[in-house]
Amino acid sequence: MGAEPELVIVAPTRDLGNGFQVRRALPSPRRRMVGPFIFFDQMGPVELRSGDEATIDAASPARVLVLGGEPADGPRHIFWNFVSSSRERIEAAKADWRAGRFAKVPGETEFIPLPGDKEPPPVHYP
């Protein structure tokens, strides 16, 4: 069996109207610094039928991704930025990351090691 979770965050629920609920887990008072501008929200589920309309109001400029589909066919395993239905695939992804087999992001030169691997020296900005 795996290690115990470091932290369990129970996301508060907010009703946005018409029964549409959102839960924001990150940032949380118990875990603020996860990465730059990281938000982890769960919205819905909401069932919209063909022809139904939905209105999203934002208090400030926002980008919204609406993703739909069938529920996952089983449990998902998560490690850092990797999510899979198989622990073996997570381990393969970790090995590929360490070996530099992932495609490079254009313009990025920094390599970020996996959590638990040797951390790089701190970056000093002018």
N, C-alpha and C. Protein backbone atom coordinates (compact mmCIF):
# COMPACT_ATOMS: atom_id res chain seq x y z
N MET A 1 0.85 -1.17 0.00
CA MET A 1 0.00 0.00 0.00
C MET A 1 0.89 1.23 0.00
N GLY A 2 0.43 2.34 -0.57
CA GLY A 2 1.21 3.57 -0.68
C GLY A 2 1.30 4.34 0.62
N ALA A 3 2.08 5.37 0.59
CA ALA A 3 2.25 6.23 1.76
C ALA A 3 0.96 6.99 2.05
N GLU A 4 0.82 7.40 3.30
CA GLU A 4 -0.34 8.19 3.69
C GLU A 4 -0.26 9.56 3.01
N PRO A 5 -1.39 10.18 2.70
CA PRO A 5 -1.36 11.52 2.10
C PRO A 5 -0.74 12.52 3.06
N GLU A 6 -0.01 13.46 2.49
CA GLU A 6 0.61 14.52 3.29
C GLU A 6 -0.43 15.44 3.88
N LEU A 7 -1.48 15.71 3.13
CA LEU A 7 -2.48 16.68 3.55
C LEU A 7 -3.79 16.38 2.84
N VAL A 8 -4.90 16.47 3.54
CA VAL A 8 -6.22 16.32 2.94
C VAL A 8 -6.90 17.67 3.02
N ILE A 9 -7.30 18.18 1.88
CA ILE A 9 -7.98 19.47 1.81
C ILE A 9 -9.43 19.23 1.44
N VAL A 10 -10.34 19.69 2.26
CA VAL A 10 -11.77 19.59 1.96
C VAL A 10 -12.18 20.93 1.37
N ALA A 11 -12.56 20.92 0.11
CA ALA A 11 -12.88 22.15 -0.60
C ALA A 11 -14.26 22.66 -0.22
N PRO A 12 -14.37 23.94 0.13
CA PRO A 12 -15.69 24.50 0.42
C PRO A 12 -16.52 24.60 -0.87
N THR A 13 -17.83 24.47 -0.71
CA THR A 13 -18.75 24.52 -1.85
C THR A 13 -19.45 25.87 -1.90
N ARG A 14 -19.58 26.40 -3.12
CA ARG A 14 -20.30 27.67 -3.31
C ARG A 14 -21.29 27.48 -4.45
N ASP A 15 -22.52 27.88 -4.22
CA ASP A 15 -23.56 27.78 -5.24
C ASP A 15 -23.51 29.03 -6.10
N LEU A 16 -23.33 28.84 -7.42
CA LEU A 16 -23.26 29.96 -8.35
C LEU A 16 -24.61 30.30 -8.95
N GLY A 17 -25.64 29.61 -8.52
CA GLY A 17 -26.98 29.87 -9.03
C GLY A 17 -27.50 28.71 -9.86
N ASN A 18 -28.78 28.54 -9.85
CA ASN A 18 -29.45 27.47 -10.59
C ASN A 18 -28.90 26.09 -10.24
N GLY A 19 -28.43 25.92 -9.01
CA GLY A 19 -27.92 24.62 -8.59
C GLY A 19 -26.53 24.29 -9.08
N PHE A 20 -25.87 25.23 -9.75
CA PHE A 20 -24.51 25.00 -10.25
C PHE A 20 -23.53 25.30 -9.14
N GLN A 21 -22.81 24.29 -8.71
CA GLN A 21 -21.91 24.45 -7.57
C GLN A 21 -20.45 24.35 -8.00
N VAL A 22 -19.60 25.07 -7.29
CA VAL A 22 -18.16 25.01 -7.53
C VAL A 22 -17.46 24.78 -6.19
N ARG A 23 -16.43 23.96 -6.24
CA ARG A 23 -15.59 23.70 -5.07
C ARG A 23 -14.16 24.08 -5.44
N ARG A 24 -13.53 24.95 -4.64
CA ARG A 24 -12.15 25.36 -4.89
C ARG A 24 -11.27 24.77 -3.80
N ALA A 25 -10.39 23.84 -4.20
CA ALA A 25 -9.48 23.20 -3.26
C ALA A 25 -8.18 23.98 -3.12
N LEU A 26 -7.70 24.54 -4.21
CA LEU A 26 -6.45 25.31 -4.19
C LEU A 26 -6.67 26.66 -4.83
N PRO A 27 -6.11 27.73 -4.33
CA PRO A 27 -5.30 27.76 -3.12
C PRO A 27 -6.17 27.53 -1.89
N SER A 28 -5.53 27.08 -0.83
CA SER A 28 -6.20 26.79 0.44
C SER A 28 -5.38 27.42 1.56
N PRO A 29 -6.02 27.81 2.65
CA PRO A 29 -5.24 28.34 3.78
C PRO A 29 -4.18 27.34 4.26
N ARG A 30 -4.43 26.05 4.02
CA ARG A 30 -3.49 25.02 4.48
C ARG A 30 -2.42 24.71 3.43
N ARG A 31 -2.58 25.15 2.18
CA ARG A 31 -1.59 24.87 1.13
C ARG A 31 -1.70 25.96 0.08
N ARG A 32 -0.96 27.03 0.26
CA ARG A 32 -1.04 28.15 -0.67
C ARG A 32 -0.09 28.02 -1.85
N MET A 33 1.18 27.72 -1.60
CA MET A 33 2.15 27.72 -2.69
C MET A 33 2.27 26.33 -3.29
N VAL A 34 1.59 26.12 -4.38
CA VAL A 34 1.68 24.88 -5.13
C VAL A 34 2.45 25.12 -6.41
N GLY A 35 2.29 26.27 -6.96
CA GLY A 35 2.93 26.66 -8.20
C GLY A 35 2.40 28.02 -8.56
N PRO A 36 2.93 28.62 -9.61
CA PRO A 36 2.44 29.95 -9.97
C PRO A 36 1.02 29.88 -10.54
N PHE A 37 0.13 30.63 -9.94
CA PHE A 37 -1.24 30.77 -10.44
C PHE A 37 -1.95 29.44 -10.59
N ILE A 38 -1.85 28.59 -9.59
CA ILE A 38 -2.52 27.29 -9.62
C ILE A 38 -3.85 27.39 -8.88
N PHE A 39 -4.91 27.00 -9.58
CA PHE A 39 -6.22 26.89 -8.97
C PHE A 39 -6.73 25.48 -9.28
N PHE A 40 -7.34 24.86 -8.31
CA PHE A 40 -7.90 23.53 -8.51
C PHE A 40 -9.36 23.59 -8.10
N ASP A 41 -10.23 23.59 -9.10
CA ASP A 41 -11.66 23.72 -8.88
C ASP A 41 -12.38 22.48 -9.40
N GLN A 42 -13.49 22.18 -8.79
CA GLN A 42 -14.42 21.18 -9.32
C GLN A 42 -15.76 21.86 -9.45
N MET A 43 -16.32 21.78 -10.64
CA MET A 43 -17.63 22.39 -10.89
C MET A 43 -18.58 21.32 -11.39
N GLY A 44 -19.80 21.45 -10.97
CA GLY A 44 -20.80 20.52 -11.45
C GLY A 44 -20.85 19.28 -10.58
N PRO A 45 -21.32 18.19 -11.10
CA PRO A 45 -21.70 18.04 -12.49
C PRO A 45 -23.03 18.73 -12.81
N VAL A 46 -23.14 19.19 -14.02
CA VAL A 46 -24.35 19.80 -14.52
C VAL A 46 -24.66 19.14 -15.85
N GLU A 47 -25.89 18.75 -16.03
CA GLU A 47 -26.27 18.14 -17.29
C GLU A 47 -26.98 19.18 -18.15
N LEU A 48 -26.39 19.47 -19.31
CA LEU A 48 -27.00 20.39 -20.27
C LEU A 48 -27.43 19.58 -21.48
N ARG A 49 -28.66 19.77 -21.85
CA ARG A 49 -29.17 19.07 -23.03
C ARG A 49 -29.03 19.97 -24.25
N SER A 50 -29.09 19.39 -25.40
CA SER A 50 -28.98 20.14 -26.65
C SER A 50 -29.97 21.31 -26.63
N GLY A 51 -29.47 22.51 -26.86
CA GLY A 51 -30.31 23.69 -26.88
C GLY A 51 -30.35 24.43 -25.56
N ASP A 52 -29.92 23.78 -24.46
CA ASP A 52 -29.87 24.47 -23.17
C ASP A 52 -28.83 25.58 -23.22
N GLU A 53 -29.07 26.63 -22.46
CA GLU A 53 -28.11 27.72 -22.37
C GLU A 53 -27.52 27.78 -20.98
N ALA A 54 -26.28 28.21 -20.91
CA ALA A 54 -25.62 28.40 -19.62
C ALA A 54 -24.95 29.76 -19.65
N THR A 55 -25.04 30.49 -18.55
CA THR A 55 -24.41 31.80 -18.44
C THR A 55 -23.36 31.73 -17.34
N ILE A 56 -22.17 32.20 -17.66
CA ILE A 56 -21.09 32.26 -16.67
C ILE A 56 -20.75 33.71 -16.46
N ASP A 57 -20.87 34.17 -15.23
CA ASP A 57 -20.52 35.55 -14.88
C ASP A 57 -19.19 35.54 -14.14
N ALA A 58 -18.33 36.50 -14.46
CA ALA A 58 -17.05 36.62 -13.77
C ALA A 58 -16.91 38.02 -13.21
N ALA A 59 -16.33 38.13 -12.02
CA ALA A 59 -16.13 39.43 -11.39
C ALA A 59 -14.98 40.20 -12.03
N SER A 60 -14.13 39.50 -12.79
CA SER A 60 -13.00 40.13 -13.48
C SER A 60 -12.72 39.32 -14.74
N PRO A 61 -11.85 39.83 -15.62
CA PRO A 61 -11.57 39.06 -16.84
C PRO A 61 -11.14 37.63 -16.50
N ALA A 62 -11.64 36.68 -17.26
CA ALA A 62 -11.37 35.28 -16.95
C ALA A 62 -11.34 34.46 -18.23
N ARG A 63 -10.63 33.36 -18.18
CA ARG A 63 -10.67 32.35 -19.24
C ARG A 63 -11.31 31.12 -18.62
N VAL A 64 -12.21 30.49 -19.34
CA VAL A 64 -12.95 29.36 -18.81
C VAL A 64 -12.83 28.20 -19.79
N LEU A 65 -12.56 27.03 -19.26
CA LEU A 65 -12.55 25.81 -20.05
C LEU A 65 -13.72 24.97 -19.56
N VAL A 66 -14.60 24.62 -20.46
CA VAL A 66 -15.71 23.75 -20.12
C VAL A 66 -15.42 22.41 -20.78
N LEU A 67 -15.33 21.40 -19.96
CA LEU A 67 -14.96 20.08 -20.45
C LEU A 67 -16.06 19.12 -20.09
N GLY A 68 -16.47 18.33 -21.04
CA GLY A 68 -17.55 17.39 -20.78
C GLY A 68 -17.19 16.01 -21.28
N GLY A 69 -17.92 15.04 -20.84
CA GLY A 69 -17.69 13.68 -21.30
C GLY A 69 -18.21 12.68 -20.29
N GLU A 70 -17.99 11.43 -20.60
CA GLU A 70 -18.42 10.36 -19.72
C GLU A 70 -17.53 10.31 -18.48
N PRO A 71 -18.06 9.85 -17.37
CA PRO A 71 -17.22 9.69 -16.17
C PRO A 71 -16.07 8.72 -16.46
N ALA A 72 -14.98 8.89 -15.73
CA ALA A 72 -13.83 8.00 -15.87
C ALA A 72 -14.26 6.56 -15.60
N ASP A 73 -13.60 5.62 -16.27
CA ASP A 73 -13.97 4.22 -16.17
C ASP A 73 -13.38 3.51 -14.96
N GLY A 74 -12.70 4.24 -14.10
CA GLY A 74 -12.12 3.64 -12.91
C GLY A 74 -11.27 4.65 -12.18
N PRO A 75 -10.56 4.22 -11.16
CA PRO A 75 -9.75 5.15 -10.37
C PRO A 75 -8.58 5.71 -11.17
N ARG A 76 -8.13 6.87 -10.77
CA ARG A 76 -6.96 7.50 -11.39
C ARG A 76 -5.88 7.64 -10.33
N HIS A 77 -4.64 7.48 -10.75
CA HIS A 77 -3.48 7.63 -9.88
C HIS A 77 -2.80 8.93 -10.26
N ILE A 78 -2.37 9.68 -9.26
CA ILE A 78 -1.77 11.00 -9.49
C ILE A 78 -0.41 11.05 -8.81
N PHE A 79 0.59 11.51 -9.53
CA PHE A 79 1.89 11.84 -8.97
C PHE A 79 2.35 13.10 -9.67
N TRP A 80 2.51 14.18 -8.93
CA TRP A 80 3.00 15.45 -9.45
C TRP A 80 2.13 15.88 -10.63
N ASN A 81 2.68 15.97 -11.85
CA ASN A 81 1.91 16.39 -13.03
C ASN A 81 1.39 15.21 -13.84
N PHE A 82 1.53 14.01 -13.33
CA PHE A 82 1.14 12.81 -14.07
C PHE A 82 -0.15 12.24 -13.50
N VAL A 83 -1.09 11.90 -14.39
CA VAL A 83 -2.35 11.27 -14.00
C VAL A 83 -2.57 10.10 -14.94
N SER A 84 -2.89 8.94 -14.39
CA SER A 84 -3.09 7.75 -15.23
C SER A 84 -4.03 6.78 -14.53
N SER A 85 -4.57 5.85 -15.30
CA SER A 85 -5.38 4.78 -14.72
C SER A 85 -4.48 3.63 -14.25
N SER A 86 -3.16 3.76 -14.47
CA SER A 86 -2.23 2.69 -14.15
C SER A 86 -1.03 3.23 -13.39
N ARG A 87 -0.70 2.59 -12.27
CA ARG A 87 0.51 2.97 -11.52
C ARG A 87 1.76 2.73 -12.37
N GLU A 88 1.74 1.67 -13.17
CA GLU A 88 2.90 1.36 -14.01
C GLU A 88 3.17 2.48 -15.02
N ARG A 89 2.10 3.06 -15.56
CA ARG A 89 2.29 4.17 -16.52
C ARG A 89 2.85 5.40 -15.82
N ILE A 90 2.47 5.61 -14.56
CA ILE A 90 3.04 6.73 -13.78
C ILE A 90 4.54 6.50 -13.62
N GLU A 91 4.94 5.29 -13.25
CA GLU A 91 6.37 4.99 -13.08
C GLU A 91 7.13 5.17 -14.39
N ALA A 92 6.52 4.76 -15.50
CA ALA A 92 7.17 4.94 -16.81
C ALA A 92 7.31 6.43 -17.14
N ALA A 93 6.29 7.22 -16.82
CA ALA A 93 6.36 8.66 -17.07
C ALA A 93 7.45 9.31 -16.22
N LYS A 94 7.59 8.86 -14.97
CA LYS A 94 8.65 9.39 -14.11
C LYS A 94 10.03 9.09 -14.71
N ALA A 95 10.20 7.86 -15.19
CA ALA A 95 11.49 7.49 -15.80
C ALA A 95 11.73 8.32 -17.07
N ASP A 96 10.70 8.50 -17.88
CA ASP A 96 10.84 9.31 -19.10
C ASP A 96 11.19 10.76 -18.77
N TRP A 97 10.57 11.30 -17.72
CA TRP A 97 10.86 12.68 -17.31
C TRP A 97 12.32 12.83 -16.90
N ARG A 98 12.77 11.90 -16.05
CA ARG A 98 14.16 11.94 -15.59
C ARG A 98 15.14 11.84 -16.75
N ALA A 99 14.79 11.02 -17.76
CA ALA A 99 15.68 10.80 -18.91
C ALA A 99 15.56 11.89 -19.97
N GLY A 100 14.66 12.85 -19.77
CA GLY A 100 14.52 13.94 -20.74
C GLY A 100 13.80 13.54 -22.02
N ARG A 101 12.94 12.55 -21.95
CA ARG A 101 12.25 12.07 -23.15
C ARG A 101 10.93 12.80 -23.43
N PHE A 102 10.55 13.76 -22.58
CA PHE A 102 9.36 14.56 -22.87
C PHE A 102 9.75 15.67 -23.84
N ALA A 103 8.81 16.08 -24.68
CA ALA A 103 9.06 17.18 -25.62
C ALA A 103 9.38 18.46 -24.84
N LYS A 104 10.27 19.25 -25.37
CA LYS A 104 10.64 20.51 -24.74
C LYS A 104 9.57 21.57 -25.00
N VAL A 105 9.39 22.45 -24.04
CA VAL A 105 8.47 23.58 -24.19
C VAL A 105 9.25 24.69 -24.87
N PRO A 106 8.79 25.20 -26.01
CA PRO A 106 9.54 26.25 -26.71
C PRO A 106 9.82 27.45 -25.80
N GLY A 107 11.06 27.87 -25.77
CA GLY A 107 11.46 29.03 -24.99
C GLY A 107 11.84 28.71 -23.55
N GLU A 108 11.57 27.50 -23.08
CA GLU A 108 11.92 27.12 -21.71
C GLU A 108 13.28 26.44 -21.70
N THR A 109 14.12 26.81 -20.75
CA THR A 109 15.44 26.20 -20.63
C THR A 109 15.64 25.52 -19.29
N GLU A 110 14.78 25.81 -18.31
CA GLU A 110 14.93 25.25 -16.98
C GLU A 110 14.36 23.84 -16.91
N PHE A 111 15.09 22.93 -16.29
CA PHE A 111 14.58 21.58 -16.04
C PHE A 111 14.11 21.52 -14.59
N ILE A 112 12.90 21.08 -14.37
CA ILE A 112 12.34 20.96 -13.02
C ILE A 112 12.35 19.48 -12.66
N PRO A 113 13.10 19.10 -11.61
CA PRO A 113 13.17 17.69 -11.24
C PRO A 113 11.87 17.21 -10.60
N LEU A 114 11.69 15.92 -10.61
CA LEU A 114 10.53 15.33 -9.94
C LEU A 114 10.60 15.61 -8.45
N PRO A 115 9.47 15.76 -7.80
CA PRO A 115 9.49 15.89 -6.33
C PRO A 115 10.21 14.69 -5.72
N GLY A 116 11.07 14.97 -4.77
CA GLY A 116 11.83 13.91 -4.13
C GLY A 116 13.18 13.67 -4.76
N ASP A 117 13.35 14.07 -6.03
CA ASP A 117 14.67 14.00 -6.65
C ASP A 117 15.51 15.15 -6.14
N LYS A 118 16.80 15.10 -6.41
CA LYS A 118 17.69 16.17 -5.95
C LYS A 118 17.23 17.50 -6.54
N GLU A 119 17.05 18.46 -5.68
CA GLU A 119 16.60 19.78 -6.10
C GLU A 119 17.76 20.57 -6.69
N PRO A 120 17.49 21.41 -7.69
CA PRO A 120 18.55 22.23 -8.27
C PRO A 120 18.93 23.35 -7.29
N PRO A 121 20.08 23.97 -7.51
CA PRO A 121 20.43 25.09 -6.64
C PRO A 121 19.43 26.22 -6.81
N PRO A 122 19.29 27.08 -5.79
CA PRO A 122 18.31 28.16 -5.90
C PRO A 122 18.69 29.14 -7.01
N VAL A 123 17.66 29.72 -7.61
CA VAL A 123 17.86 30.71 -8.66
C VAL A 123 17.98 32.08 -8.02
N HIS A 124 18.98 32.85 -8.43
CA HIS A 124 19.16 34.21 -7.91
C HIS A 124 18.87 35.19 -9.03
N TYR A 125 17.93 36.07 -8.80
CA TYR A 125 17.57 37.06 -9.81
C TYR A 125 18.30 38.36 -9.52
N PRO A 126 18.63 39.10 -10.59
CA PRO A 126 19.35 40.37 -10.36
C PRO A 126 18.51 41.38 -9.62
